[in-house]
Amino acid sequence: MKRGLKLTFAAMAITGMLAGCSNKDEKTTGKTSDDKKVELTGTIGAAGSTALQPLADEAATEFMAKFPQVSITVQGGGSGTGVNQVSTGAIQIGNSDVPAAEKLEDKSLASSLVEAKVAGVGYSMVTNKDVGVDSLTLQQIEDIFAGKVTNWKEVGGKDEKINVINRPASSGTRAAFEKKIMKDVKINDGVGTVQDSNGAVEQAVNSTPGAISYLANSYLIGDKKDALKTVKIDGKESTTDNIVAGDYPFYSYEYMITKGDAKSPVKEYIEFISGDEFANKLVEMGYIPASKMTGLE
């Protein structure tokens, strides 16, 4: 009987030891899982929209600080560049102000692309400080960019030539301008000059008397806002409240586009830029959380 009790106790001891080992393994597995999250690795190349570029850059800096073994490079080039490069696999993320299909050279590749709306952005009509105009109607803007109105005095400003500064055909900001402002009216590319980025537009408008163009609000933060004059459209300012309420027409979503479903670490980076942790910085930089733009085209 005593021998049987000894065997029973021995068996119980062994069972306890095995359970302890099992618990230890479970804890180790959990730790390994956490370690993998911390040790996220990989290289991400993104290019495209210069309207989205400041946000993508800032998010990349913060993301790489959290995950030092991830390297992210963000370049401009325009939405068309981003969409077409990601469609061929040259980069992991194509940044765009418009849906991919609107900029794809090979439309058959559209079905292979996945779009993530990471934010919204408003745009402003901007002029050199000397023109003397505070607001323009949609019709007046259309007439200026169609080449029908060539002097500021025709729209309530001073007697000065209008110098139009446009964006190239590859630009998503231009695509948003054509869609939201020009609509069925064709831009006259024989009038004025062309600048290939938001930053170049900002500098050109600031230094060119009588200049007018359009800029993403993300480029009108801090000192930059004071360097240029923003012009209302039909008396409405380019604010988040006016855009969300449907009272201001010039805005777009900002897309991060991948070829197929995003894989790690691209997936985590896109989730970070559109997530709650980064939301305050997104607003500070002049963007609009995509969740606020529900119902807007």
Protein backbone atom coordinates (compact mmCIF):
# COMPACT_ATOMS: atom_id res chain seq x y z
CA MET A 1 0.00 0.00 0.00
CA LYS A 2 2.79 2.36 0.92
CA ARG A 3 4.55 1.52 -2.29
CA GLY A 4 1.39 2.36 -4.22
CA LEU A 5 1.15 5.71 -2.45
CA LYS A 6 4.78 6.43 -3.28
CA LEU A 7 4.13 5.69 -6.95
CA THR A 8 1.05 7.88 -6.92
CA PHE A 9 2.95 10.77 -5.35
CA ALA A 10 5.77 10.29 -7.83
CA ALA A 11 3.33 10.36 -10.72
CA MET A 12 1.76 13.53 -9.33
CA ALA A 13 5.17 15.13 -9.00
CA ILE A 14 6.06 14.26 -12.59
CA THR A 15 2.69 15.59 -13.77
CA GLY A 16 3.35 18.85 -11.89
CA MET A 17 6.79 19.15 -13.41
CA LEU A 18 5.37 18.61 -16.91
CA ALA A 19 2.68 21.21 -16.27
CA GLY A 20 5.34 23.61 -15.07
CA CYS A 21 7.35 23.00 -18.22
CA SER A 22 4.22 23.53 -20.29
CA ASN A 23 3.50 26.85 -18.55
CA LYS A 24 7.09 27.90 -19.03
CA ASP A 25 6.86 27.09 -22.74
CA GLU A 26 3.65 29.11 -23.05
CA LYS A 27 5.29 32.12 -21.40
CA THR A 28 8.30 31.78 -23.67
CA THR A 29 6.05 31.62 -26.72
CA GLY A 30 4.26 34.76 -25.59
CA LYS A 31 7.54 36.52 -25.09
CA THR A 32 8.76 35.41 -28.50
CA SER A 33 5.58 36.78 -30.07
CA ASP A 34 6.14 40.12 -28.34
CA ASP A 35 9.77 40.14 -29.40
CA LYS A 36 8.79 39.58 -33.01
CA LYS A 37 6.52 42.60 -32.83
CA VAL A 38 9.31 44.74 -31.41
CA GLU A 39 11.80 43.38 -33.93
CA LEU A 40 9.74 44.23 -37.01
CA THR A 41 12.18 44.42 -39.92
CA GLY A 42 12.20 45.28 -43.59
CA THR A 43 12.59 48.00 -46.20
CA ILE A 44 9.76 50.16 -47.56
CA GLY A 45 9.95 52.39 -50.62
CA ALA A 46 7.15 54.90 -51.16
CA ALA A 47 6.74 57.56 -53.85
CA GLY A 48 4.12 59.74 -55.48
CA SER A 49 1.92 62.56 -54.20
CA THR A 50 3.78 65.59 -52.90
CA ALA A 51 0.58 66.57 -51.06
CA LEU A 52 0.86 63.38 -49.00
CA GLN A 53 4.66 63.39 -48.80
CA PRO A 54 5.01 65.51 -45.61
CA LEU A 55 2.65 63.20 -43.73
CA ALA A 56 4.29 60.06 -45.08
CA ASP A 57 7.72 61.43 -44.11
CA GLU A 58 6.69 62.31 -40.56
CA ALA A 59 4.95 58.97 -40.05
CA ALA A 60 8.04 57.20 -41.40
CA THR A 61 10.27 59.01 -38.91
CA GLU A 62 8.07 58.05 -35.97
CA PHE A 63 7.57 54.49 -37.21
CA MET A 64 11.31 53.92 -37.63
CA ALA A 65 11.87 55.24 -34.10
CA LYS A 66 9.48 52.54 -32.84
CA PHE A 67 10.93 49.87 -35.12
CA PRO A 68 14.63 50.68 -35.72
CA GLN A 69 15.13 47.68 -38.00
CA VAL A 70 12.63 49.05 -40.53
CA SER A 71 13.95 51.43 -43.19
CA ILE A 72 11.46 53.70 -45.02
CA THR A 73 12.24 55.98 -47.96
CA VAL A 74 9.59 58.47 -49.12
CA GLN A 75 9.90 60.35 -52.41
CA GLY A 76 7.65 62.68 -54.41
CA GLY A 77 7.23 62.66 -58.17
CA GLY A 78 3.45 63.06 -58.35
CA SER A 79 0.54 60.68 -57.95
CA GLY A 80 0.95 59.27 -61.46
CA THR A 81 4.53 58.30 -60.70
CA GLY A 82 3.53 56.61 -57.45
CA VAL A 83 0.65 54.66 -58.94
CA ASN A 84 2.58 53.40 -61.95
CA GLN A 85 5.71 52.51 -60.00
CA VAL A 86 3.80 50.46 -57.45
CA SER A 87 1.88 48.71 -60.22
CA THR A 88 5.16 47.37 -61.64
CA GLY A 89 6.55 46.41 -58.22
CA ALA A 90 9.29 49.06 -58.27
CA ILE A 91 8.13 50.39 -54.89
CA GLN A 92 5.99 49.03 -52.06
CA ILE A 93 3.64 52.03 -51.66
CA GLY A 94 2.28 54.43 -54.25
CA ASN A 95 1.06 57.67 -52.67
CA SER A 96 -1.78 59.32 -54.54
CA ASP A 97 -4.38 62.10 -54.27
CA VAL A 98 -6.76 60.18 -56.54
CA PRO A 99 -7.83 56.54 -57.02
CA ALA A 100 -5.25 54.42 -58.84
CA ALA A 101 -7.36 53.88 -61.96
CA GLU A 102 -7.26 57.61 -62.72
CA LYS A 103 -3.46 57.58 -63.06
CA LEU A 104 -2.64 54.09 -64.34
CA GLU A 105 -0.99 53.96 -67.75
CA ASP A 106 -1.93 50.28 -68.08
CA LYS A 107 -5.55 50.11 -66.92
CA SER A 108 -5.45 46.29 -66.88
CA LEU A 109 -3.27 46.45 -63.76
CA ALA A 110 -5.96 48.21 -61.68
CA SER A 111 -7.38 44.96 -60.31
CA SER A 112 -4.02 44.06 -58.76
CA LEU A 113 -3.85 47.25 -56.69
CA VAL A 114 -5.26 47.79 -53.19
CA GLU A 115 -6.07 51.32 -52.00
CA ALA A 116 -6.02 52.49 -48.38
CA LYS A 117 -7.56 55.87 -47.58
CA VAL A 118 -5.16 57.13 -44.91
CA ALA A 119 -6.37 60.74 -44.66
CA GLY A 120 -8.11 63.60 -46.38
CA VAL A 121 -6.61 66.92 -47.41
CA GLY A 122 -8.06 70.28 -48.32
CA TYR A 123 -6.60 72.52 -50.99
CA SER A 124 -6.43 76.30 -51.17
CA MET A 125 -6.28 78.74 -54.02
CA VAL A 126 -3.17 80.81 -53.34
CA THR A 127 -1.92 84.08 -54.80
CA ASN A 128 1.02 86.36 -54.46
CA LYS A 129 0.31 88.90 -51.71
CA ASP A 130 0.12 91.81 -54.13
CA VAL A 131 -3.00 90.89 -56.13
CA GLY A 132 -5.65 92.40 -53.85
CA VAL A 133 -8.31 89.68 -54.10
CA ASP A 134 -9.84 87.93 -51.07
CA SER A 135 -12.37 85.61 -52.75
CA LEU A 136 -13.05 84.16 -56.18
CA THR A 137 -16.10 82.38 -57.51
CA LEU A 138 -15.81 78.98 -59.15
CA GLN A 139 -16.62 80.65 -62.47
CA GLN A 140 -13.82 83.20 -62.04
CA ILE A 141 -11.28 80.47 -61.22
CA GLU A 142 -12.36 78.47 -64.26
CA ASP A 143 -12.03 81.56 -66.47
CA ILE A 144 -8.55 82.34 -65.14
CA PHE A 145 -7.18 78.82 -65.71
CA ALA A 146 -8.93 78.55 -69.09
CA GLY A 147 -7.13 81.74 -70.16
CA LYS A 148 -10.29 83.86 -70.52
CA VAL A 149 -9.41 86.25 -67.69
CA THR A 150 -5.86 87.59 -67.79
CA ASN A 151 -5.85 90.67 -65.54
CA TRP A 152 -6.68 90.87 -61.85
CA LYS A 153 -8.82 93.97 -62.35
CA GLU A 154 -11.34 91.77 -64.19
CA VAL A 155 -12.08 89.93 -60.93
CA GLY A 156 -11.89 92.83 -58.48
CA GLY A 157 -8.15 93.09 -58.01
CA LYS A 158 -5.50 95.59 -59.04
CA ASP A 159 -4.53 96.34 -62.64
CA GLU A 160 -1.94 93.59 -62.96
CA LYS A 161 -1.32 90.64 -65.24
CA ILE A 162 -2.40 87.25 -63.87
CA ASN A 163 0.47 84.78 -63.83
CA VAL A 164 -0.99 81.27 -63.74
CA ILE A 165 1.15 78.56 -62.17
CA ASN A 166 -0.10 75.07 -62.91
CA ARG A 167 0.84 71.47 -62.14
CA PRO A 168 1.89 68.81 -64.69
CA ALA A 169 -0.50 66.17 -65.99
CA SER A 170 1.00 63.52 -63.68
CA SER A 171 0.06 65.52 -60.57
CA GLY A 172 -2.70 64.22 -58.32
CA THR A 173 -3.20 67.75 -56.99
CA ARG A 174 -3.93 68.87 -60.55
CA ALA A 175 -6.30 65.93 -60.99
CA ALA A 176 -8.18 67.03 -57.85
CA PHE A 177 -8.27 70.61 -59.18
CA GLU A 178 -9.66 69.48 -62.53
CA LYS A 179 -12.26 67.24 -60.89
CA LYS A 180 -13.46 69.56 -58.13
CA ILE A 181 -12.97 73.03 -59.62
CA MET A 182 -12.57 72.98 -63.40
CA LYS A 183 -15.02 70.11 -64.00
CA ASP A 184 -15.91 70.26 -67.72
CA VAL A 185 -13.73 73.31 -68.42
CA LYS A 186 -10.33 72.52 -69.92
CA ILE A 187 -7.18 74.08 -68.44
CA ASN A 188 -5.28 76.18 -70.97
CA ASP A 189 -1.72 74.88 -70.62
CA GLY A 190 -0.52 77.57 -73.01
CA VAL A 191 -1.08 80.13 -70.26
CA GLY A 192 1.50 80.58 -67.50
CA THR A 193 4.06 78.09 -66.25
CA VAL A 194 4.16 74.61 -64.69
CA GLN A 195 5.73 73.53 -61.39
CA ASP A 196 6.13 69.86 -60.53
CA SER A 197 5.54 69.84 -56.76
CA ASN A 198 3.64 71.63 -54.00
CA GLY A 199 6.92 72.97 -52.65
CA ALA A 200 7.92 74.41 -56.04
CA VAL A 201 4.47 76.01 -56.43
CA GLU A 202 4.79 77.64 -53.02
CA GLN A 203 8.13 79.20 -53.95
CA ALA A 204 6.99 80.29 -57.42
CA VAL A 205 3.80 81.97 -56.19
CA ASN A 206 5.70 83.71 -53.42
CA SER A 207 8.28 85.14 -55.83
CA THR A 208 6.10 85.90 -58.90
CA PRO A 209 4.02 89.11 -58.95
CA GLY A 210 0.38 88.48 -59.90
CA ALA A 211 0.75 84.72 -59.47
CA ILE A 212 -2.08 82.29 -58.72
CA SER A 213 -2.06 78.54 -58.17
CA TYR A 214 -3.42 75.88 -55.81
CA LEU A 215 -1.77 74.08 -52.91
CA ALA A 216 -2.50 71.33 -50.44
CA ASN A 217 -3.19 72.77 -47.00
CA SER A 218 -0.39 70.59 -45.64
CA TYR A 219 1.98 73.08 -47.31
CA LEU A 220 0.31 76.06 -45.65
CA ILE A 221 1.40 75.44 -42.07
CA GLY A 222 3.31 77.88 -39.89
CA ASP A 223 5.52 80.40 -41.70
CA LYS A 224 4.45 79.11 -45.11
CA LYS A 225 0.89 80.22 -44.46
CA ASP A 226 2.07 83.79 -43.91
CA ALA A 227 4.18 83.83 -47.08
CA LEU A 228 1.21 83.36 -49.42
CA LYS A 229 -2.30 84.73 -49.57
CA THR A 230 -5.08 82.14 -49.49
CA VAL A 231 -8.18 83.06 -51.46
CA LYS A 232 -11.68 81.94 -50.49
CA ILE A 233 -13.88 80.11 -52.98
CA ASP A 234 -17.37 81.61 -53.16
CA GLY A 235 -16.69 83.26 -49.81
CA LYS A 236 -15.76 80.01 -48.04
CA GLU A 237 -12.39 79.28 -46.46
CA SER A 238 -10.56 75.99 -46.89
CA THR A 239 -11.15 74.65 -43.37
CA THR A 240 -11.82 71.14 -42.12
CA ASP A 241 -15.24 72.18 -40.83
CA ASN A 242 -16.28 73.65 -44.20
CA ILE A 243 -15.00 70.61 -46.10
CA VAL A 244 -16.69 68.08 -43.80
CA ALA A 245 -19.95 70.08 -43.95
CA GLY A 246 -19.87 70.03 -47.75
CA ASP A 247 -19.52 73.84 -47.95
CA TYR A 248 -16.07 73.92 -49.56
CA PRO A 249 -15.48 72.00 -52.80
CA PHE A 250 -11.71 71.59 -53.12
CA TYR A 251 -10.38 68.51 -51.29
CA SER A 252 -9.38 64.90 -51.88
CA TYR A 253 -8.64 61.67 -50.07
CA GLU A 254 -5.03 60.65 -49.67
CA TYR A 255 -4.36 57.06 -50.76
CA MET A 256 -1.56 54.64 -50.01
CA ILE A 257 -1.67 52.01 -52.73
CA THR A 258 -0.06 48.57 -52.68
CA LYS A 259 0.24 45.80 -55.21
CA GLY A 260 -1.93 43.15 -53.62
CA ASP A 261 -2.68 43.14 -49.90
CA ALA A 262 -0.01 44.91 -47.86
CA LYS A 263 2.48 42.61 -46.15
CA SER A 264 4.60 43.28 -43.06
CA PRO A 265 6.10 45.84 -42.43
CA VAL A 266 4.15 47.82 -45.07
CA LYS A 267 0.87 46.75 -43.49
CA GLU A 268 1.88 48.02 -40.04
CA TYR A 269 3.20 51.31 -41.46
CA ILE A 270 -0.07 52.04 -43.28
CA GLU A 271 -2.05 51.11 -40.17
CA PHE A 272 0.16 53.44 -38.12
CA ILE A 273 -0.29 56.47 -40.37
CA SER A 274 -4.08 56.11 -40.33
CA GLY A 275 -4.41 54.98 -36.69
CA ASP A 276 -5.31 56.71 -33.44
CA GLU A 277 -1.72 56.98 -32.22
CA PHE A 278 -0.76 59.27 -35.12
CA ALA A 279 -4.11 61.12 -35.44
CA ASN A 280 -3.12 64.25 -33.51
CA LYS A 281 0.03 64.74 -35.59
CA LEU A 282 -2.00 64.21 -38.76
CA VAL A 283 -4.34 67.07 -37.79
CA GLU A 284 -1.44 69.32 -36.73
CA MET A 285 0.07 68.89 -40.19
CA GLY A 286 -3.04 70.12 -41.99
CA TYR A 287 -4.68 66.81 -42.90
CA ILE A 288 -8.13 65.47 -42.08
CA PRO A 289 -8.73 62.05 -40.49
CA ALA A 290 -10.40 59.85 -43.12
CA SER A 291 -13.09 58.95 -40.57
CA LYS A 292 -14.30 62.56 -40.61
CA MET A 293 -14.84 62.53 -44.38
CA THR A 294 -17.51 59.83 -44.41
CA GLY A 295 -20.02 60.51 -47.14
CA LEU A 296 -17.74 62.81 -49.16
CA GLU A 297 -16.65 61.73 -52.62
